[in-house]
Amino acid sequence: MKCYMESSWNTPEGGFFFWLTANDNVDVKLLLEEARNSGIAFAPGFRFNVESNTPSQGIRLAFSEVSTENIPEGISRLSKAIQKFT
């Protein structure tokens, strides 16, 4: 399965989360709703802004809360959710 959403990320050197930055044509709030409908979730970046009305294209993915066996399935579900918006 291929997913064609432009994004950027940094390879984590430690910690519990992976940050993904979606491009401007992805509505992260709508993507979160679609992800939840698919049985997965992520923390949208706007939740971490000082001012709650500041937009953010950030997507925080936790890799510490799931088993390594479940990560590929989560990525597949997130990819399908993203494809609905691209």
PDB file of N, CA and C in Angstrom:
ATOM      1  N   MET A   1       0.841  -1.161   0.000  1.00  0.00           N
ATOM      2  CA  MET A   1       0.000   0.000   0.000  1.00  0.00           C
ATOM      3  C   MET A   1       0.895   1.235   0.000  1.00  0.00           C
ATOM      4  N   LYS A   2       0.586   2.178  -0.862  1.00  0.00           N
ATOM      5  CA  LYS A   2       1.361   3.410  -0.930  1.00  0.00           C
ATOM      6  C   LYS A   2       0.521   4.557  -0.400  1.00  0.00           C
ATOM      7  N   CYS A   3       1.170   5.478   0.266  1.00  0.00           N
ATOM      8  CA  CYS A   3       0.511   6.662   0.788  1.00  0.00           C
ATOM      9  C   CYS A   3       1.288   7.874   0.300  1.00  0.00           C
ATOM     10  N   TYR A   4       0.601   8.836  -0.270  1.00  0.00           N
ATOM     11  CA  TYR A   4       1.272   9.969  -0.883  1.00  0.00           C
ATOM     12  C   TYR A   4       0.996  11.283  -0.160  1.00  0.00           C
ATOM     13  N   MET A   5       1.143  11.313   1.142  1.00  0.00           N
ATOM     14  CA  MET A   5       1.009  12.555   1.887  1.00  0.00           C
ATOM     15  C   MET A   5       2.403  13.102   2.124  1.00  0.00           C
ATOM     16  N   GLU A   6       2.650  14.313   1.653  1.00  0.00           N
ATOM     17  CA  GLU A   6       3.934  14.930   1.959  1.00  0.00           C
ATOM     18  C   GLU A   6       3.989  15.178   3.452  1.00  0.00           C
ATOM     19  N   SER A   7       5.110  14.888   4.043  1.00  0.00           N
ATOM     20  CA  SER A   7       5.271  15.106   5.475  1.00  0.00           C
ATOM     21  C   SER A   7       6.755  15.223   5.779  1.00  0.00           C
ATOM     22  N   SER A   8       7.041  15.605   7.003  1.00  0.00           N
ATOM     23  CA  SER A   8       8.423  15.635   7.457  1.00  0.00           C
ATOM     24  C   SER A   8       8.471  15.035   8.846  1.00  0.00           C
ATOM     25  N   TRP A   9       9.642  14.580   9.224  1.00  0.00           N
ATOM     26  CA  TRP A   9       9.808  13.979  10.529  1.00  0.00           C
ATOM     27  C   TRP A   9      11.277  13.978  10.901  1.00  0.00           C
ATOM     28  N   ASN A  10      11.533  13.750  12.157  1.00  0.00           N
ATOM     29  CA  ASN A  10      12.880  13.568  12.671  1.00  0.00           C
ATOM     30  C   ASN A  10      12.963  12.170  13.239  1.00  0.00           C
ATOM     31  N   THR A  11      14.054  11.495  13.000  1.00  0.00           N
ATOM     32  CA  THR A  11      14.249  10.171  13.582  1.00  0.00           C
ATOM     33  C   THR A  11      14.538  10.357  15.066  1.00  0.00           C
ATOM     34  N   PRO A  12      13.709   9.744  15.934  1.00  0.00           N
ATOM     35  CA  PRO A  12      13.928   9.944  17.369  1.00  0.00           C
ATOM     36  C   PRO A  12      15.226   9.300  17.840  1.00  0.00           C
ATOM     37  N   GLU A  13      15.898   9.996  18.735  1.00  0.00           N
ATOM     38  CA  GLU A  13      17.116   9.459  19.333  1.00  0.00           C
ATOM     39  C   GLU A  13      16.824   8.862  20.704  1.00  0.00           C
ATOM     40  N   GLY A  14      15.578   8.893  21.088  1.00  0.00           N
ATOM     41  CA  GLY A  14      15.144   8.374  22.378  1.00  0.00           C
ATOM     42  C   GLY A  14      13.736   8.866  22.642  1.00  0.00           C
ATOM     43  N   GLY A  15      13.224   8.548  23.786  1.00  0.00           N
ATOM     44  CA  GLY A  15      11.896   9.019  24.147  1.00  0.00           C
ATOM     45  C   GLY A  15      10.817   8.009  23.837  1.00  0.00           C
ATOM     46  N   PHE A  16       9.591   8.501  23.798  1.00  0.00           N
ATOM     47  CA  PHE A  16       8.421   7.635  23.674  1.00  0.00           C
ATOM     48  C   PHE A  16       7.523   7.986  22.508  1.00  0.00           C
ATOM     49  N   PHE A  17       7.867   9.042  21.767  1.00  0.00           N
ATOM     50  CA  PHE A  17       6.984   9.530  20.723  1.00  0.00           C
ATOM     51  C   PHE A  17       7.749   9.801  19.438  1.00  0.00           C
ATOM     52  N   PHE A  18       7.001   9.778  18.363  1.00  0.00           N
ATOM     53  CA  PHE A  18       7.507  10.082  17.029  1.00  0.00           C
ATOM     54  C   PHE A  18       6.643  11.218  16.511  1.00  0.00           C
ATOM     55  N   TRP A  19       7.241  12.324  16.102  1.00  0.00           N
ATOM     56  CA  TRP A  19       6.502  13.465  15.573  1.00  0.00           C
ATOM     57  C   TRP A  19       6.512  13.443  14.053  1.00  0.00           C
ATOM     58  N   LEU A  20       5.349  13.603  13.488  1.00  0.00           N
ATOM     59  CA  LEU A  20       5.156  13.692  12.050  1.00  0.00           C
ATOM     60  C   LEU A  20       4.507  15.039  11.784  1.00  0.00           C
ATOM     61  N   THR A  21       4.965  15.751  10.777  1.00  0.00           N
ATOM     62  CA  THR A  21       4.350  17.024  10.405  1.00  0.00           C
ATOM     63  C   THR A  21       3.723  16.871   9.035  1.00  0.00           C
ATOM     64  N   ALA A  22       2.407  16.948   9.002  1.00  0.00           N
ATOM     65  CA  ALA A  22       1.674  16.823   7.739  1.00  0.00           C
ATOM     66  C   ALA A  22       1.748  18.135   6.981  1.00  0.00           C
ATOM     67  N   ASN A  23       1.584  18.062   5.670  1.00  0.00           N
ATOM     68  CA  ASN A  23       1.577  19.296   4.902  1.00  0.00           C
ATOM     69  C   ASN A  23       0.249  20.028   5.120  1.00  0.00           C
ATOM     70  N   ASP A  24       0.167  21.238   4.617  1.00  0.00           N
ATOM     71  CA  ASP A  24      -0.960  22.118   4.921  1.00  0.00           C
ATOM     72  C   ASP A  24      -2.299  21.666   4.351  1.00  0.00           C
ATOM     73  N   ASN A  25      -2.307  20.769   3.386  1.00  0.00           N
ATOM     74  CA  ASN A  25      -3.590  20.359   2.817  1.00  0.00           C
ATOM     75  C   ASN A  25      -4.261  19.240   3.610  1.00  0.00           C
ATOM     76  N   VAL A  26      -3.682  18.819   4.727  1.00  0.00           N
ATOM     77  CA  VAL A  26      -4.276  17.791   5.572  1.00  0.00           C
ATOM     78  C   VAL A  26      -4.852  18.461   6.810  1.00  0.00           C
ATOM     79  N   ASP A  27      -6.141  18.259   7.048  1.00  0.00           N
ATOM     80  CA  ASP A  27      -6.796  18.766   8.246  1.00  0.00           C
ATOM     81  C   ASP A  27      -6.575  17.737   9.349  1.00  0.00           C
ATOM     82  N   VAL A  28      -5.690  18.044  10.276  1.00  0.00           N
ATOM     83  CA  VAL A  28      -5.299  17.085  11.307  1.00  0.00           C
ATOM     84  C   VAL A  28      -6.480  16.717  12.204  1.00  0.00           C
ATOM     85  N   LYS A  29      -7.390  17.664  12.461  1.00  0.00           N
ATOM     86  CA  LYS A  29      -8.574  17.354  13.284  1.00  0.00           C
ATOM     87  C   LYS A  29      -9.452  16.309  12.596  1.00  0.00           C
ATOM     88  N   LEU A  30      -9.675  16.471  11.297  1.00  0.00           N
ATOM     89  CA  LEU A  30     -10.480  15.493  10.558  1.00  0.00           C
ATOM     90  C   LEU A  30      -9.755  14.162  10.445  1.00  0.00           C
ATOM     91  N   LEU A  31      -8.447  14.216  10.285  1.00  0.00           N
ATOM     92  CA  LEU A  31      -7.663  12.983  10.216  1.00  0.00           C
ATOM     93  C   LEU A  31      -7.768  12.223  11.535  1.00  0.00           C
ATOM     94  N   LEU A  32      -7.749  12.936  12.649  1.00  0.00           N
ATOM     95  CA  LEU A  32      -7.886  12.285  13.949  1.00  0.00           C
ATOM     96  C   LEU A  32      -9.234  11.574  14.066  1.00  0.00           C
ATOM     97  N   GLU A  33     -10.300  12.212  13.608  1.00  0.00           N
ATOM     98  CA  GLU A  33     -11.625  11.576  13.630  1.00  0.00           C
ATOM     99  C   GLU A  33     -11.625  10.301  12.790  1.00  0.00           C
ATOM    100  N   GLU A  34     -11.046  10.376  11.608  1.00  0.00           N
ATOM    101  CA  GLU A  34     -10.990   9.203  10.725  1.00  0.00           C
ATOM    102  C   GLU A  34     -10.142   8.106  11.346  1.00  0.00           C
ATOM    103  N   ALA A  35      -9.030   8.477  11.966  1.00  0.00           N
ATOM    104  CA  ALA A  35      -8.173   7.491  12.626  1.00  0.00           C
ATOM    105  C   ALA A  35      -8.938   6.790  13.746  1.00  0.00           C
ATOM    106  N   ARG A  36      -9.655   7.564  14.545  1.00  0.00           N
ATOM    107  CA  ARG A  36     -10.449   6.964  15.629  1.00  0.00           C
ATOM    108  C   ARG A  36     -11.498   6.005  15.086  1.00  0.00           C
ATOM    109  N   ASN A  37     -12.106   6.356  13.960  1.00  0.00           N
ATOM    110  CA  ASN A  37     -13.076   5.453  13.329  1.00  0.00           C
ATOM    111  C   ASN A  37     -12.416   4.153  12.873  1.00  0.00           C
ATOM    112  N   SER A  38     -11.109   4.203  12.654  1.00  0.00           N
ATOM    113  CA  SER A  38     -10.354   3.021  12.231  1.00  0.00           C
ATOM    114  C   SER A  38      -9.784   2.246  13.417  1.00  0.00           C
ATOM    115  N   GLY A  39     -10.063   2.717  14.639  1.00  0.00           N
ATOM    116  CA  GLY A  39      -9.607   2.012  15.828  1.00  0.00           C
ATOM    117  C   GLY A  39      -8.218   2.387  16.304  1.00  0.00           C
ATOM    118  N   ILE A  40      -7.716   3.526  15.828  1.00  0.00           N
ATOM    119  CA  ILE A  40      -6.397   4.006  16.278  1.00  0.00           C
ATOM    120  C   ILE A  40      -6.525   5.463  16.700  1.00  0.00           C
ATOM    121  N   ALA A  41      -5.492   5.972  17.299  1.00  0.00           N
ATOM    122  CA  ALA A  41      -5.508   7.374  17.704  1.00  0.00           C
ATOM    123  C   ALA A  41      -4.089   7.919  17.691  1.00  0.00           C
ATOM    124  N   PHE A  42      -3.987   9.227  17.659  1.00  0.00           N
ATOM    125  CA  PHE A  42      -2.722   9.927  17.804  1.00  0.00           C
ATOM    126  C   PHE A  42      -3.030  11.221  18.537  1.00  0.00           C
ATOM    127  N   ALA A  43      -2.013  11.864  19.004  1.00  0.00           N
ATOM    128  CA  ALA A  43      -2.188  13.155  19.663  1.00  0.00           C
ATOM    129  C   ALA A  43      -1.918  14.255  18.647  1.00  0.00           C
ATOM    130  N   PRO A  44      -2.924  15.067  18.328  1.00  0.00           N
ATOM    131  CA  PRO A  44      -2.699  16.150  17.373  1.00  0.00           C
ATOM    132  C   PRO A  44      -1.817  17.230  17.992  1.00  0.00           C
ATOM    133  N   GLY A  45      -0.970  17.808  17.181  1.00  0.00           N
ATOM    134  CA  GLY A  45      -0.003  18.784  17.657  1.00  0.00           C
ATOM    135  C   GLY A  45      -0.603  20.002  18.325  1.00  0.00           C
ATOM    136  N   PHE A  46      -1.819  20.406  17.918  1.00  0.00           N
ATOM    137  CA  PHE A  46      -2.406  21.611  18.500  1.00  0.00           C
ATOM    138  C   PHE A  46      -2.667  21.453  19.988  1.00  0.00           C
ATOM    139  N   ARG A  47      -2.746  20.239  20.483  1.00  0.00           N
ATOM    140  CA  ARG A  47      -2.937  20.028  21.920  1.00  0.00           C
ATOM    141  C   ARG A  47      -1.716  20.451  22.727  1.00  0.00           C
ATOM    142  N   PHE A  48      -0.591  20.624  22.094  1.00  0.00           N
ATOM    143  CA  PHE A  48       0.641  20.956  22.780  1.00  0.00           C
ATOM    144  C   PHE A  48       1.049  22.414  22.591  1.00  0.00           C
ATOM    145  N   ASN A  49       0.203  23.204  21.940  1.00  0.00           N
ATOM    146  CA  ASN A  49       0.463  24.627  21.758  1.00  0.00           C
ATOM    147  C   ASN A  49       0.096  25.394  23.023  1.00  0.00           C
ATOM    148  N   VAL A  50       0.796  26.460  23.280  1.00  0.00           N
ATOM    149  CA  VAL A  50       0.489  27.303  24.435  1.00  0.00           C
ATOM    150  C   VAL A  50      -0.894  27.919  24.272  1.00  0.00           C
ATOM    151  N   GLU A  51      -1.176  28.419  23.083  1.00  0.00           N
ATOM    152  CA  GLU A  51      -2.495  28.980  22.790  1.00  0.00           C
ATOM    153  C   GLU A  51      -3.301  27.936  22.038  1.00  0.00           C
ATOM    154  N   SER A  52      -4.450  27.573  22.569  1.00  0.00           N
ATOM    155  CA  SER A  52      -5.222  26.463  22.019  1.00  0.00           C
ATOM    156  C   SER A  52      -5.748  26.704  20.615  1.00  0.00           C
ATOM    157  N   ASN A  53      -5.856  27.966  20.193  1.00  0.00           N
ATOM    158  CA  ASN A  53      -6.383  28.235  18.848  1.00  0.00           C
ATOM    159  C   ASN A  53      -5.292  28.318  17.786  1.00  0.00           C
ATOM    160  N   THR A  54      -4.040  28.061  18.161  1.00  0.00           N
ATOM    161  CA  THR A  54      -2.950  28.070  17.201  1.00  0.00           C
ATOM    162  C   THR A  54      -2.961  26.767  16.408  1.00  0.00           C
ATOM    163  N   PRO A  55      -3.073  26.850  15.088  1.00  0.00           N
ATOM    164  CA  PRO A  55      -3.107  25.609  14.304  1.00  0.00           C
ATOM    165  C   PRO A  55      -1.769  24.887  14.321  1.00  0.00           C
ATOM    166  N   SER A  56      -1.827  23.604  14.067  1.00  0.00           N
ATOM    167  CA  SER A  56      -0.613  22.794  14.011  1.00  0.00           C
ATOM    168  C   SER A  56      -0.842  21.634  13.067  1.00  0.00           C
ATOM    169  N   GLN A  57       0.153  21.309  12.311  1.00  0.00           N
ATOM    170  CA  GLN A  57       0.110  20.152  11.421  1.00  0.00           C
ATOM    171  C   GLN A  57       0.818  18.961  12.056  1.00  0.00           C
ATOM    172  N   GLY A  58       1.125  19.077  13.337  1.00  0.00           N
ATOM    173  CA  GLY A  58       1.835  18.016  14.035  1.00  0.00           C
ATOM    174  C   GLY A  58       0.959  16.823  14.366  1.00  0.00           C
ATOM    175  N   ILE A  59       1.564  15.659  14.294  1.00  0.00           N
ATOM    176  CA  ILE A  59       0.922  14.397  14.665  1.00  0.00           C
ATOM    177  C   ILE A  59       1.915  13.674  15.565  1.00  0.00           C
ATOM    178  N   ARG A  60       1.536  13.449  16.824  1.00  0.00           N
ATOM    179  CA  ARG A  60       2.439  12.766  17.748  1.00  0.00           C
ATOM    180  C   ARG A  60       1.996  11.314  17.865  1.00  0.00           C
ATOM    181  N   LEU A  61       2.872  10.421  17.443  1.00  0.00           N
ATOM    182  CA  LEU A  61       2.598   8.984  17.480  1.00  0.00           C
ATOM    183  C   LEU A  61       3.393   8.362  18.617  1.00  0.00           C
ATOM    184  N   ALA A  62       2.705   7.682  19.507  1.00  0.00           N
ATOM    185  CA  ALA A  62       3.373   7.019  20.634  1.00  0.00           C
ATOM    186  C   ALA A  62       3.772   5.611  20.214  1.00  0.00           C
ATOM    187  N   PHE A  63       5.043   5.307  20.344  1.00  0.00           N
ATOM    188  CA  PHE A  63       5.476   3.940  20.050  1.00  0.00           C
ATOM    189  C   PHE A  63       5.794   3.188  21.326  1.00  0.00           C
ATOM    190  N   SER A  64       5.611   3.828  22.467  1.00  0.00           N
ATOM    191  CA  SER A  64       5.897   3.168  23.734  1.00  0.00           C
ATOM    192  C   SER A  64       4.671   2.493  24.336  1.00  0.00           C
ATOM    193  N   GLU A  65       3.492   2.794  23.820  1.00  0.00           N
ATOM    194  CA  GLU A  65       2.260   2.280  24.406  1.00  0.00           C
ATOM    195  C   GLU A  65       1.709   1.043  23.705  1.00  0.00           C
ATOM    196  N   VAL A  66       2.327   0.650  22.623  1.00  0.00           N
ATOM    197  CA  VAL A  66       1.834  -0.511  21.879  1.00  0.00           C
ATOM    198  C   VAL A  66       2.976  -1.503  21.679  1.00  0.00           C
ATOM    199  N   SER A  67       2.599  -2.737  21.471  1.00  0.00           N
ATOM    200  CA  SER A  67       3.624  -3.754  21.245  1.00  0.00           C
ATOM    201  C   SER A  67       4.199  -3.598  19.838  1.00  0.00           C
ATOM    202  N   THR A  68       5.416  -4.035  19.662  1.00  0.00           N
ATOM    203  CA  THR A  68       6.046  -3.934  18.336  1.00  0.00           C
ATOM    204  C   THR A  68       5.281  -4.763  17.304  1.00  0.00           C
ATOM    205  N   GLU A  69       4.564  -5.770  17.752  1.00  0.00           N
ATOM    206  CA  GLU A  69       3.771  -6.578  16.818  1.00  0.00           C
ATOM    207  C   GLU A  69       2.571  -5.801  16.279  1.00  0.00           C
ATOM    208  N   ASN A  70       2.044  -4.835  17.037  1.00  0.00           N
ATOM    209  CA  ASN A  70       0.863  -4.079  16.618  1.00  0.00           C
ATOM    210  C   ASN A  70       1.180  -2.818  15.821  1.00  0.00           C
ATOM    211  N   ILE A  71       2.430  -2.385  15.831  1.00  0.00           N
ATOM    212  CA  ILE A  71       2.788  -1.151  15.136  1.00  0.00           C
ATOM    213  C   ILE A  71       2.519  -1.220  13.629  1.00  0.00           C
ATOM    214  N   PRO A  72       2.884  -2.300  12.918  1.00  0.00           N
ATOM    215  CA  PRO A  72       2.584  -2.334  11.479  1.00  0.00           C
ATOM    216  C   PRO A  72       1.090  -2.204  11.177  1.00  0.00           C
ATOM    217  N   GLU A  73       0.239  -2.798  11.985  1.00  0.00           N
ATOM    218  CA  GLU A  73      -1.207  -2.683  11.771  1.00  0.00           C
ATOM    219  C   GLU A  73      -1.662  -1.244  11.996  1.00  0.00           C
ATOM    220  N   GLY A  74      -1.127  -0.595  13.023  1.00  0.00           N
ATOM    221  CA  GLY A  74      -1.471   0.798  13.283  1.00  0.00           C
ATOM    222  C   GLY A  74      -1.040   1.704  12.147  1.00  0.00           C
ATOM    223  N   ILE A  75       0.141   1.468  11.615  1.00  0.00           N
ATOM    224  CA  ILE A  75       0.633   2.261  10.483  1.00  0.00           C
ATOM    225  C   ILE A  75      -0.253   2.048   9.260  1.00  0.00           C
ATOM    226  N   SER A  76      -0.657   0.811   9.032  1.00  0.00           N
ATOM    227  CA  SER A  76      -1.541   0.511   7.903  1.00  0.00           C
ATOM    228  C   SER A  76      -2.875   1.239   8.047  1.00  0.00           C
ATOM    229  N   ARG A  77      -3.443   1.221   9.244  1.00  0.00           N
ATOM    230  CA  ARG A  77      -4.720   1.913   9.470  1.00  0.00           C
ATOM    231  C   ARG A  77      -4.571   3.421   9.323  1.00  0.00           C
ATOM    232  N   LEU A  78      -3.478   3.979   9.830  1.00  0.00           N
ATOM    233  CA  LEU A  78      -3.243   5.416   9.680  1.00  0.00           C
ATOM    234  C   LEU A  78      -3.064   5.776   8.206  1.00  0.00           C
ATOM    235  N   SER A  79      -2.362   4.945   7.475  1.00  0.00           N
ATOM    236  CA  SER A  79      -2.162   5.176   6.052  1.00  0.00           C
ATOM    237  C   SER A  79      -3.498   5.207   5.306  1.00  0.00           C
ATOM    238  N   LYS A  80      -4.375   4.282   5.627  1.00  0.00           N
ATOM    239  CA  LYS A  80      -5.706   4.251   4.985  1.00  0.00           C
ATOM    240  C   LYS A  80      -6.504   5.509   5.333  1.00  0.00           C
ATOM    241  N   ALA A  81      -6.405   5.958   6.587  1.00  0.00           N
ATOM    242  CA  ALA A  81      -7.096   7.172   6.989  1.00  0.00           C
ATOM    243  C   ALA A  81      -6.546   8.373   6.225  1.00  0.00           C
ATOM    244  N   ILE A  82      -5.247   8.466   6.090  1.00  0.00           N
ATOM    245  CA  ILE A  82      -4.616   9.578   5.361  1.00  0.00           C
ATOM    246  C   ILE A  82      -5.035   9.568   3.905  1.00  0.00           C
ATOM    247  N   GLN A  83      -5.123   8.388   3.310  1.00  0.00           N
ATOM    248  CA  GLN A  83      -5.488   8.298   1.887  1.00  0.00           C
ATOM    249  C   GLN A  83      -6.858   8.878   1.600  1.00  0.00           C
ATOM    250  N   LYS A  84      -7.732   8.899   2.590  1.00  0.00           N
ATOM    251  CA  LYS A  84      -9.062   9.486   2.380  1.00  0.00           C
ATOM    252  C   LYS A  84      -9.012  10.998   2.232  1.00  0.00           C
ATOM    253  N   PHE A  85      -7.886  11.606   2.636  1.00  0.00           N
ATOM    254  CA  PHE A  85      -7.751  13.059   2.578  1.00  0.00           C
ATOM    255  C   PHE A  85      -6.783  13.522   1.504  1.00  0.00           C
ATOM    256  N   THR A  86      -6.145  12.607   0.796  1.00  0.00           N
ATOM    257  CA  THR A  86      -5.161  12.997  -0.210  1.00  0.00           C
ATOM    258  C   THR A  86      -5.563  12.497  -1.574  1.00  0.00           C
TER     259      THR A  86
END
